């Protein structure tokens, strides 16, 4: 069984329920078990593709109009991270 972790620790306080929403979204789209552990979402299953989860996370960010603020990057072999984009003001 493969477990992929989505690290959402860089999300601001205004998106507190984002981890629960992402877990629900990923669980609905993949049909797999997605659990929330503080600001990390763990997706478990036999047929988990990191590339497909990355695509789903990008779609989620686009639907929530967060695509301009965050991007999805790979940290380790089984870890995806939502990272805040750098803006010109920073």
Protein backbone atom coordinates (compact mmCIF):
# COMPACT_ATOMS: atom_id res chain seq x y z
CA UNK A 1 0.00 0.00 0.00
CA UNK A 2 1.37 3.38 -1.03
CA UNK A 3 0.99 6.51 1.10
CA UNK A 4 1.47 9.99 -0.35
CA UNK A 5 1.54 13.03 1.94
CA UNK A 6 0.37 16.50 0.88
CA UNK A 7 2.07 19.11 3.07
CA UNK A 8 -0.10 22.21 3.42
CA UNK A 9 1.87 23.93 6.20
CA UNK A 10 2.45 27.13 4.20
CA UNK A 11 -1.24 27.95 3.92
CA UNK A 12 -2.25 31.08 5.81
CA UNK A 13 -4.68 31.10 8.73
CA UNK A 14 -7.55 32.14 6.46
CA UNK A 15 -7.47 28.69 4.84
CA UNK A 16 -7.79 26.59 8.04
CA UNK A 17 -10.41 24.25 6.61
CA UNK A 18 -8.36 23.81 3.44
CA UNK A 19 -6.81 20.54 4.61
CA UNK A 20 -10.24 19.02 5.24
CA UNK A 21 -11.52 20.32 1.91
CA UNK A 22 -8.50 18.96 0.03
CA UNK A 23 -8.85 15.59 1.76
CA UNK A 24 -12.52 15.45 0.75
CA UNK A 25 -11.73 16.51 -2.80
CA UNK A 26 -8.94 13.95 -3.25
CA UNK A 27 -11.01 11.21 -1.65
CA UNK A 28 -13.95 11.98 -3.92
CA UNK A 29 -11.89 12.13 -7.12
CA UNK A 30 -9.68 9.11 -6.47
CA UNK A 31 -11.98 6.93 -4.38
CA UNK A 32 -9.14 6.37 -1.93
CA UNK A 33 -8.77 7.01 1.79
CA UNK A 34 -7.60 10.57 2.51
CA UNK A 35 -6.98 11.53 6.14
CA UNK A 36 -6.03 14.84 7.76
CA UNK A 37 -3.22 15.15 10.30
CA UNK A 38 -2.92 18.85 11.33
CA UNK A 39 -1.84 20.52 8.07
CA UNK A 40 -0.95 17.31 6.23
CA UNK A 41 -3.23 15.18 4.10
CA UNK A 42 -2.32 11.51 3.72
CA UNK A 43 -3.69 9.55 0.75
CA UNK A 44 -3.44 5.76 1.03
CA UNK A 45 -4.13 3.16 -1.61
CA UNK A 46 -2.68 0.58 -3.95
CA UNK A 47 -3.08 2.57 -7.15
CA UNK A 48 -1.90 6.00 -6.00
CA UNK A 49 -0.07 8.01 -8.62
CA UNK A 50 1.87 11.05 -7.45
CA UNK A 51 1.53 12.62 -10.87
CA UNK A 52 -2.27 12.26 -10.81
CA UNK A 53 -2.49 13.70 -7.28
CA UNK A 54 -0.37 16.64 -8.39
CA UNK A 55 -2.78 17.27 -11.28
CA UNK A 56 -5.77 17.06 -8.94
CA UNK A 57 -4.15 19.51 -6.53
CA UNK A 58 -3.54 21.97 -9.38
CA UNK A 59 -7.20 21.66 -10.39
CA UNK A 60 -8.26 22.26 -6.79
CA UNK A 61 -6.13 25.40 -6.55
CA UNK A 62 -7.58 26.65 -9.83
CA UNK A 63 -11.18 26.07 -8.68
CA UNK A 64 -10.55 27.82 -5.36
CA UNK A 65 -8.84 30.75 -7.14
CA UNK A 66 -5.61 30.07 -5.25
CA UNK A 67 -3.55 29.22 -8.33
CA UNK A 68 -1.88 32.65 -8.34
CA UNK A 69 -0.88 32.32 -4.68
CA UNK A 70 0.28 28.68 -4.40
CA UNK A 71 1.96 26.01 -6.49
CA UNK A 72 2.44 22.26 -6.11
CA UNK A 73 6.00 20.97 -5.78
CA UNK A 74 7.53 17.58 -5.00
CA UNK A 75 9.64 17.47 -1.86
CA UNK A 76 10.51 13.81 -1.45
CA UNK A 77 9.52 10.60 -3.17
CA UNK A 78 6.06 10.45 -1.60
CA UNK A 79 5.56 14.06 -0.48
CA UNK A 80 3.83 16.87 -2.37
CA UNK A 81 3.88 20.39 -0.95
CA UNK A 82 1.72 23.44 -1.54
CA UNK A 83 4.23 26.27 -1.62
CA UNK A 84 3.46 29.97 -1.62
CA UNK A 85 4.51 31.76 -4.79
CA UNK A 86 6.86 34.69 -4.56
CA UNK A 87 5.31 37.95 -5.70
CA UNK A 88 6.91 41.15 -6.85
CA UNK A 89 6.00 42.91 -3.61
CA UNK A 90 8.05 40.46 -1.49
